[in-house]
Amino acid sequence: QRFEKKYKNEQDKGGVSKETKFEYAWCLIRSKYTRDIQKGITLLEELVHKSPKDDSRDFLFYLAVANYRLKEYERALRYIRTLLKNEPENKQALEMEKLIDKALKKDGLVGMAIVGGIGLSVVGLAGLIGLAVSKGAAKS
């Protein structure tokens, strides 16, 4: 709340500093509420677009974290890889990339299982319909 108050005070005065915007975004992305995390992402994206490449490391990292928390793994991966292009040896970013990759693979496997299950259900349903139709035709 302290950072939100500071952010709103500066906003009322006509301009929010980069530091205040970052602090507020950082607090928002740590929230348990999706809407807060999304608001934090918006603020961090504004900071990335208005900052020189050298200043964007933290913004990109926390954009990856926020998107990861929302299970937006592909977006998270894009942000972390942009950071790694500039700093290929960044250990924290490399660990985050591994974490995102792992979640993406797990999510993909779950998605494939769901699609596979739906496919089997459709095939099973079609078989039952075919059986019912053939029994109905046999009775007539």
N, C-alpha and C. Protein backbone atom coordinates (compact mmCIF):
# COMPACT_ATOMS: atom_id res chain seq x y z
N GLN A 1 0.82 -1.20 0.00
CA GLN A 1 0.00 0.00 0.00
C GLN A 1 0.86 1.26 0.00
N ARG A 2 2.01 1.15 0.63
CA ARG A 2 2.91 2.31 0.68
C ARG A 2 3.31 2.73 -0.73
N PHE A 3 3.63 1.72 -1.57
CA PHE A 3 4.07 2.03 -2.92
C PHE A 3 2.92 2.53 -3.79
N GLU A 4 1.73 2.00 -3.54
CA GLU A 4 0.56 2.47 -4.28
C GLU A 4 0.28 3.94 -3.96
N LYS A 5 0.40 4.27 -2.69
CA LYS A 5 0.16 5.65 -2.26
C LYS A 5 1.20 6.59 -2.89
N LYS A 6 2.45 6.17 -2.86
CA LYS A 6 3.53 6.96 -3.46
C LYS A 6 3.28 7.14 -4.96
N TYR A 7 2.88 6.06 -5.63
CA TYR A 7 2.60 6.10 -7.07
C TYR A 7 1.47 7.09 -7.37
N LYS A 8 0.38 6.99 -6.62
CA LYS A 8 -0.77 7.87 -6.86
C LYS A 8 -0.45 9.33 -6.54
N ASN A 9 0.35 9.57 -5.50
CA ASN A 9 0.76 10.94 -5.18
C ASN A 9 1.54 11.56 -6.33
N GLU A 10 2.50 10.79 -6.86
CA GLU A 10 3.29 11.30 -7.99
C GLU A 10 2.43 11.47 -9.23
N GLN A 11 1.50 10.56 -9.42
CA GLN A 11 0.60 10.64 -10.58
C GLN A 11 -0.24 11.92 -10.49
N ASP A 12 -0.72 12.23 -9.30
CA ASP A 12 -1.52 13.44 -9.09
C ASP A 12 -0.72 14.70 -9.35
N LYS A 13 0.59 14.63 -9.10
CA LYS A 13 1.46 15.79 -9.32
C LYS A 13 1.89 15.92 -10.78
N GLY A 14 1.50 14.95 -11.60
CA GLY A 14 1.77 15.08 -13.03
C GLY A 14 2.87 14.21 -13.60
N GLY A 15 3.56 13.44 -12.79
CA GLY A 15 4.60 12.58 -13.35
C GLY A 15 5.11 11.57 -12.35
N VAL A 16 5.14 10.31 -12.77
CA VAL A 16 5.61 9.24 -11.89
C VAL A 16 7.04 8.89 -12.28
N SER A 17 7.92 8.86 -11.30
CA SER A 17 9.32 8.52 -11.57
C SER A 17 9.44 7.04 -11.96
N LYS A 18 10.51 6.74 -12.67
CA LYS A 18 10.77 5.36 -13.09
C LYS A 18 10.88 4.45 -11.86
N GLU A 19 11.54 4.92 -10.82
CA GLU A 19 11.74 4.13 -9.61
C GLU A 19 10.40 3.81 -8.94
N THR A 20 9.56 4.82 -8.82
CA THR A 20 8.26 4.62 -8.17
C THR A 20 7.39 3.66 -8.98
N LYS A 21 7.40 3.83 -10.29
CA LYS A 21 6.61 2.95 -11.15
C LYS A 21 7.10 1.50 -11.01
N PHE A 22 8.42 1.33 -10.97
CA PHE A 22 8.98 -0.01 -10.83
C PHE A 22 8.63 -0.63 -9.48
N GLU A 23 8.77 0.15 -8.41
CA GLU A 23 8.45 -0.36 -7.07
C GLU A 23 6.99 -0.79 -6.97
N TYR A 24 6.11 0.02 -7.54
CA TYR A 24 4.68 -0.29 -7.51
C TYR A 24 4.39 -1.54 -8.36
N ALA A 25 4.99 -1.61 -9.54
CA ALA A 25 4.81 -2.78 -10.41
C ALA A 25 5.31 -4.04 -9.71
N TRP A 26 6.46 -3.92 -9.05
CA TRP A 26 7.05 -5.06 -8.34
C TRP A 26 6.09 -5.57 -7.27
N CYS A 27 5.47 -4.66 -6.54
CA CYS A 27 4.49 -5.05 -5.52
C CYS A 27 3.27 -5.72 -6.16
N LEU A 28 2.81 -5.15 -7.25
CA LEU A 28 1.62 -5.69 -7.92
C LEU A 28 1.83 -7.11 -8.43
N ILE A 29 2.99 -7.38 -9.01
CA ILE A 29 3.19 -8.72 -9.59
C ILE A 29 3.36 -9.79 -8.51
N ARG A 30 3.56 -9.38 -7.28
CA ARG A 30 3.68 -10.34 -6.17
C ARG A 30 2.32 -10.63 -5.53
N SER A 31 1.29 -9.95 -5.99
CA SER A 31 -0.06 -10.11 -5.45
C SER A 31 -0.63 -11.49 -5.80
N LYS A 32 -1.63 -11.90 -5.03
CA LYS A 32 -2.32 -13.15 -5.35
C LYS A 32 -3.46 -12.91 -6.34
N TYR A 33 -3.72 -11.66 -6.65
CA TYR A 33 -4.84 -11.32 -7.53
C TYR A 33 -4.37 -11.11 -8.97
N THR A 34 -5.03 -11.79 -9.89
CA THR A 34 -4.68 -11.71 -11.31
C THR A 34 -4.71 -10.28 -11.82
N ARG A 35 -5.73 -9.54 -11.44
CA ARG A 35 -5.87 -8.16 -11.92
C ARG A 35 -4.67 -7.30 -11.51
N ASP A 36 -4.18 -7.48 -10.29
CA ASP A 36 -2.99 -6.75 -9.82
C ASP A 36 -1.77 -7.12 -10.64
N ILE A 37 -1.60 -8.42 -10.88
CA ILE A 37 -0.44 -8.89 -11.65
C ILE A 37 -0.49 -8.30 -13.06
N GLN A 38 -1.68 -8.28 -13.66
CA GLN A 38 -1.82 -7.71 -15.00
C GLN A 38 -1.50 -6.22 -15.01
N LYS A 39 -1.91 -5.52 -13.97
CA LYS A 39 -1.60 -4.09 -13.86
C LYS A 39 -0.08 -3.89 -13.73
N GLY A 40 0.55 -4.75 -12.94
CA GLY A 40 2.01 -4.70 -12.80
C GLY A 40 2.70 -4.94 -14.13
N ILE A 41 2.18 -5.88 -14.91
CA ILE A 41 2.74 -6.17 -16.23
C ILE A 41 2.65 -4.93 -17.12
N THR A 42 1.51 -4.27 -17.10
CA THR A 42 1.33 -3.06 -17.91
C THR A 42 2.37 -2.01 -17.55
N LEU A 43 2.57 -1.80 -16.25
CA LEU A 43 3.56 -0.80 -15.81
C LEU A 43 4.97 -1.19 -16.23
N LEU A 44 5.31 -2.47 -16.08
CA LEU A 44 6.65 -2.93 -16.47
C LEU A 44 6.86 -2.82 -17.98
N GLU A 45 5.82 -3.10 -18.75
CA GLU A 45 5.94 -2.96 -20.21
C GLU A 45 6.18 -1.50 -20.60
N GLU A 46 5.51 -0.59 -19.91
CA GLU A 46 5.74 0.84 -20.16
C GLU A 46 7.20 1.19 -19.86
N LEU A 47 7.72 0.66 -18.77
CA LEU A 47 9.11 0.94 -18.39
C LEU A 47 10.09 0.38 -19.42
N VAL A 48 9.83 -0.82 -19.92
CA VAL A 48 10.72 -1.43 -20.92
C VAL A 48 10.76 -0.57 -22.18
N HIS A 49 9.59 -0.13 -22.62
CA HIS A 49 9.52 0.63 -23.87
C HIS A 49 10.15 2.02 -23.76
N LYS A 50 10.18 2.57 -22.55
CA LYS A 50 10.71 3.92 -22.37
C LYS A 50 12.15 3.94 -21.85
N SER A 51 12.76 2.77 -21.71
CA SER A 51 14.10 2.72 -21.13
C SER A 51 15.13 2.23 -22.13
N PRO A 52 16.38 2.69 -21.97
CA PRO A 52 17.45 2.16 -22.81
C PRO A 52 17.64 0.66 -22.53
N LYS A 53 18.16 -0.05 -23.51
CA LYS A 53 18.35 -1.50 -23.40
C LYS A 53 19.08 -1.89 -22.11
N ASP A 54 20.10 -1.13 -21.75
CA ASP A 54 20.90 -1.45 -20.56
C ASP A 54 20.10 -1.36 -19.25
N ASP A 55 19.08 -0.52 -19.23
CA ASP A 55 18.28 -0.33 -18.02
C ASP A 55 17.12 -1.32 -17.89
N SER A 56 16.89 -2.12 -18.91
CA SER A 56 15.67 -2.92 -18.94
C SER A 56 15.80 -4.31 -18.30
N ARG A 57 16.97 -4.66 -17.78
CA ARG A 57 17.19 -6.00 -17.23
C ARG A 57 16.13 -6.38 -16.19
N ASP A 58 15.98 -5.57 -15.17
CA ASP A 58 15.03 -5.89 -14.10
C ASP A 58 13.59 -5.91 -14.61
N PHE A 59 13.27 -4.99 -15.50
CA PHE A 59 11.91 -4.94 -16.04
C PHE A 59 11.59 -6.23 -16.79
N LEU A 60 12.52 -6.67 -17.63
CA LEU A 60 12.33 -7.90 -18.40
C LEU A 60 12.22 -9.11 -17.49
N PHE A 61 13.08 -9.16 -16.49
CA PHE A 61 13.06 -10.29 -15.56
C PHE A 61 11.71 -10.38 -14.85
N TYR A 62 11.25 -9.26 -14.33
CA TYR A 62 9.98 -9.29 -13.59
C TYR A 62 8.78 -9.45 -14.51
N LEU A 63 8.90 -9.04 -15.77
CA LEU A 63 7.84 -9.35 -16.74
C LEU A 63 7.76 -10.86 -16.95
N ALA A 64 8.91 -11.51 -17.00
CA ALA A 64 8.92 -12.97 -17.13
C ALA A 64 8.29 -13.62 -15.90
N VAL A 65 8.65 -13.14 -14.72
CA VAL A 65 8.10 -13.67 -13.47
C VAL A 65 6.58 -13.50 -13.44
N ALA A 66 6.11 -12.31 -13.76
CA ALA A 66 4.68 -12.02 -13.71
C ALA A 66 3.90 -12.90 -14.69
N ASN A 67 4.41 -13.02 -15.91
CA ASN A 67 3.72 -13.86 -16.89
C ASN A 67 3.77 -15.33 -16.50
N TYR A 68 4.85 -15.75 -15.89
CA TYR A 68 4.96 -17.11 -15.37
C TYR A 68 3.87 -17.35 -14.32
N ARG A 69 3.69 -16.39 -13.44
CA ARG A 69 2.68 -16.53 -12.38
C ARG A 69 1.28 -16.63 -12.96
N LEU A 70 1.06 -15.99 -14.12
CA LEU A 70 -0.25 -16.07 -14.78
C LEU A 70 -0.37 -17.28 -15.70
N LYS A 71 0.67 -18.10 -15.72
CA LYS A 71 0.75 -19.28 -16.59
C LYS A 71 0.78 -18.90 -18.07
N GLU A 72 1.28 -17.70 -18.34
CA GLU A 72 1.50 -17.24 -19.72
C GLU A 72 2.94 -17.57 -20.07
N TYR A 73 3.23 -18.86 -20.19
CA TYR A 73 4.61 -19.33 -20.28
C TYR A 73 5.33 -18.86 -21.54
N GLU A 74 4.63 -18.82 -22.66
CA GLU A 74 5.30 -18.40 -23.90
C GLU A 74 5.73 -16.93 -23.82
N ARG A 75 4.86 -16.10 -23.26
CA ARG A 75 5.22 -14.68 -23.09
C ARG A 75 6.38 -14.55 -22.10
N ALA A 76 6.32 -15.31 -21.03
CA ALA A 76 7.39 -15.29 -20.03
C ALA A 76 8.72 -15.67 -20.67
N LEU A 77 8.68 -16.69 -21.51
CA LEU A 77 9.89 -17.16 -22.19
C LEU A 77 10.43 -16.09 -23.14
N ARG A 78 9.54 -15.39 -23.82
CA ARG A 78 9.97 -14.31 -24.72
C ARG A 78 10.72 -13.23 -23.95
N TYR A 79 10.19 -12.84 -22.81
CA TYR A 79 10.84 -11.79 -22.01
C TYR A 79 12.18 -12.26 -21.47
N ILE A 80 12.23 -13.48 -20.96
CA ILE A 80 13.49 -13.95 -20.36
C ILE A 80 14.55 -14.15 -21.44
N ARG A 81 14.14 -14.56 -22.62
CA ARG A 81 15.11 -14.74 -23.71
C ARG A 81 15.61 -13.41 -24.25
N THR A 82 14.77 -12.39 -24.21
CA THR A 82 15.22 -11.05 -24.58
C THR A 82 16.30 -10.60 -23.60
N LEU A 83 16.07 -10.85 -22.34
CA LEU A 83 17.07 -10.51 -21.31
C LEU A 83 18.36 -11.30 -21.54
N LEU A 84 18.23 -12.58 -21.85
CA LEU A 84 19.41 -13.43 -22.05
C LEU A 84 20.19 -13.07 -23.32
N LYS A 85 19.52 -12.47 -24.29
CA LYS A 85 20.24 -11.98 -25.48
C LYS A 85 21.24 -10.91 -25.08
N ASN A 86 20.83 -10.06 -24.16
CA ASN A 86 21.69 -8.97 -23.68
C ASN A 86 22.70 -9.45 -22.64
N GLU A 87 22.30 -10.44 -21.84
CA GLU A 87 23.16 -10.94 -20.75
C GLU A 87 23.11 -12.47 -20.72
N PRO A 88 23.81 -13.13 -21.64
CA PRO A 88 23.72 -14.59 -21.74
C PRO A 88 24.21 -15.35 -20.51
N GLU A 89 24.98 -14.70 -19.65
CA GLU A 89 25.52 -15.37 -18.47
C GLU A 89 24.72 -15.08 -17.19
N ASN A 90 23.62 -14.37 -17.30
CA ASN A 90 22.83 -13.99 -16.14
C ASN A 90 22.22 -15.25 -15.51
N LYS A 91 22.77 -15.65 -14.36
CA LYS A 91 22.38 -16.91 -13.71
C LYS A 91 20.90 -16.93 -13.30
N GLN A 92 20.44 -15.83 -12.78
CA GLN A 92 19.04 -15.75 -12.35
C GLN A 92 18.11 -15.93 -13.56
N ALA A 93 18.46 -15.30 -14.67
CA ALA A 93 17.65 -15.42 -15.89
C ALA A 93 17.72 -16.83 -16.46
N LEU A 94 18.90 -17.44 -16.41
CA LEU A 94 19.05 -18.82 -16.90
C LEU A 94 18.20 -19.79 -16.07
N GLU A 95 18.17 -19.58 -14.76
CA GLU A 95 17.34 -20.43 -13.89
C GLU A 95 15.85 -20.22 -14.19
N MET A 96 15.50 -18.96 -14.42
CA MET A 96 14.10 -18.65 -14.73
C MET A 96 13.71 -19.30 -16.06
N GLU A 97 14.60 -19.27 -17.02
CA GLU A 97 14.33 -19.90 -18.32
C GLU A 97 14.07 -21.40 -18.15
N LYS A 98 14.87 -22.06 -17.32
CA LYS A 98 14.68 -23.49 -17.06
C LYS A 98 13.31 -23.75 -16.42
N LEU A 99 12.96 -22.91 -15.46
CA LEU A 99 11.68 -23.04 -14.77
C LEU A 99 10.51 -22.89 -15.75
N ILE A 100 10.61 -21.89 -16.61
CA ILE A 100 9.55 -21.64 -17.60
C ILE A 100 9.47 -22.80 -18.59
N ASP A 101 10.63 -23.25 -19.08
CA ASP A 101 10.66 -24.38 -20.02
C ASP A 101 9.98 -25.61 -19.42
N LYS A 102 10.31 -25.88 -18.17
CA LYS A 102 9.74 -27.04 -17.47
C LYS A 102 8.21 -26.90 -17.39
N ALA A 103 7.73 -25.72 -17.02
CA ALA A 103 6.29 -25.49 -16.91
C ALA A 103 5.62 -25.59 -18.28
N LEU A 104 6.29 -25.08 -19.30
CA LEU A 104 5.75 -25.13 -20.66
C LEU A 104 5.60 -26.57 -21.13
N LYS A 105 6.61 -27.39 -20.85
CA LYS A 105 6.55 -28.81 -21.23
C LYS A 105 5.45 -29.52 -20.47
N LYS A 106 5.36 -29.26 -19.17
CA LYS A 106 4.33 -29.89 -18.35
C LYS A 106 2.94 -29.47 -18.84
N ASP A 107 2.78 -28.18 -19.10
CA ASP A 107 1.52 -27.64 -19.59
C ASP A 107 1.17 -28.26 -20.95
N GLY A 108 2.17 -28.42 -21.79
CA GLY A 108 1.97 -29.01 -23.11
C GLY A 108 1.54 -30.46 -23.01
N LEU A 109 2.14 -31.20 -22.09
CA LEU A 109 1.77 -32.61 -21.90
C LEU A 109 0.35 -32.73 -21.37
N VAL A 110 -0.01 -31.86 -20.44
CA VAL A 110 -1.37 -31.86 -19.91
C VAL A 110 -2.35 -31.51 -21.02
N GLY A 111 -2.00 -30.52 -21.83
CA GLY A 111 -2.85 -30.13 -22.96
C GLY A 111 -3.03 -31.28 -23.94
N MET A 112 -1.93 -31.98 -24.23
CA MET A 112 -2.02 -33.11 -25.16
C MET A 112 -2.88 -34.22 -24.57
N ALA A 113 -2.78 -34.45 -23.27
CA ALA A 113 -3.59 -35.48 -22.62
C ALA A 113 -5.07 -35.12 -22.69
N ILE A 114 -5.38 -33.85 -22.48
CA ILE A 114 -6.77 -33.40 -22.55
C ILE A 114 -7.30 -33.57 -23.97
N VAL A 115 -6.52 -33.13 -24.96
CA VAL A 115 -6.93 -33.27 -26.36
C VAL A 115 -7.08 -34.74 -26.70
N GLY A 116 -6.14 -35.57 -26.24
CA GLY A 116 -6.22 -37.01 -26.48
C GLY A 116 -7.47 -37.60 -25.86
N GLY A 117 -7.78 -37.19 -24.65
CA GLY A 117 -8.98 -37.66 -23.95
C GLY A 117 -10.25 -37.25 -24.67
N ILE A 118 -10.28 -36.03 -25.17
CA ILE A 118 -11.44 -35.55 -25.93
C ILE A 118 -11.57 -36.36 -27.21
N GLY A 119 -10.44 -36.61 -27.86
CA GLY A 119 -10.45 -37.40 -29.09
C GLY A 119 -11.01 -38.79 -28.85
N LEU A 120 -10.58 -39.43 -27.77
CA LEU A 120 -11.09 -40.77 -27.43
C LEU A 120 -12.58 -40.72 -27.12
N SER A 121 -13.01 -39.69 -26.44
CA SER A 121 -14.44 -39.54 -26.12
C SER A 121 -15.27 -39.42 -27.38
N VAL A 122 -14.80 -38.63 -28.32
CA VAL A 122 -15.51 -38.43 -29.58
C VAL A 122 -15.59 -39.75 -30.35
N VAL A 123 -14.47 -40.47 -30.41
CA VAL A 123 -14.45 -41.76 -31.10
C VAL A 123 -15.40 -42.73 -30.41
N GLY A 124 -15.37 -42.77 -29.08
CA GLY A 124 -16.26 -43.65 -28.32
C GLY A 124 -17.72 -43.30 -28.54
N LEU A 125 -18.03 -42.01 -28.54
CA LEU A 125 -19.39 -41.55 -28.76
C LEU A 125 -19.86 -41.91 -30.16
N ALA A 126 -18.98 -41.71 -31.13
CA ALA A 126 -19.33 -42.06 -32.52
C ALA A 126 -19.60 -43.56 -32.63
N GLY A 127 -18.81 -44.36 -31.92
CA GLY A 127 -19.02 -45.81 -31.92
C GLY A 127 -20.37 -46.18 -31.33
N LEU A 128 -20.73 -45.54 -30.22
CA LEU A 128 -22.02 -45.82 -29.58
C LEU A 128 -23.18 -45.41 -30.48
N ILE A 129 -23.05 -44.26 -31.13
CA ILE A 129 -24.09 -43.80 -32.05
C ILE A 129 -24.23 -44.79 -33.20
N GLY A 130 -23.09 -45.21 -33.74
CA GLY A 130 -23.11 -46.19 -34.84
C GLY A 130 -23.77 -47.48 -34.41
N LEU A 131 -23.48 -47.94 -33.20
CA LEU A 131 -24.07 -49.17 -32.67
C LEU A 131 -25.58 -49.01 -32.52
N ALA A 132 -26.01 -47.87 -31.97
CA ALA A 132 -27.44 -47.62 -31.78
C ALA A 132 -28.16 -47.56 -33.12
N VAL A 133 -27.55 -46.90 -34.10
CA VAL A 133 -28.16 -46.79 -35.43
C VAL A 133 -28.28 -48.17 -36.07
N SER A 134 -27.23 -48.97 -35.95
CA SER A 134 -27.26 -50.30 -36.57
C SER A 134 -28.30 -51.20 -35.89
N LYS A 135 -28.46 -51.09 -34.57
CA LYS A 135 -29.47 -51.88 -33.87
C LYS A 135 -30.87 -51.41 -34.26
N GLY A 136 -31.01 -50.08 -34.42
CA GLY A 136 -32.30 -49.53 -34.83
C GLY A 136 -32.67 -49.98 -36.23
N ALA A 137 -31.68 -50.05 -37.11
CA ALA A 137 -31.92 -50.48 -38.48
C ALA A 137 -32.25 -51.97 -38.51
N ALA A 138 -31.65 -52.75 -37.62
CA ALA A 138 -31.88 -54.19 -37.59
C ALA A 138 -33.30 -54.49 -37.12
N LYS A 139 -33.86 -53.66 -36.23
CA LYS A 139 -35.22 -53.87 -35.72
C LYS A 139 -36.27 -53.57 -36.78
N SER A 140 -35.98 -52.67 -37.75
CA SER A 140 -36.99 -52.30 -38.72
C SER A 140 -37.04 -53.24 -39.85
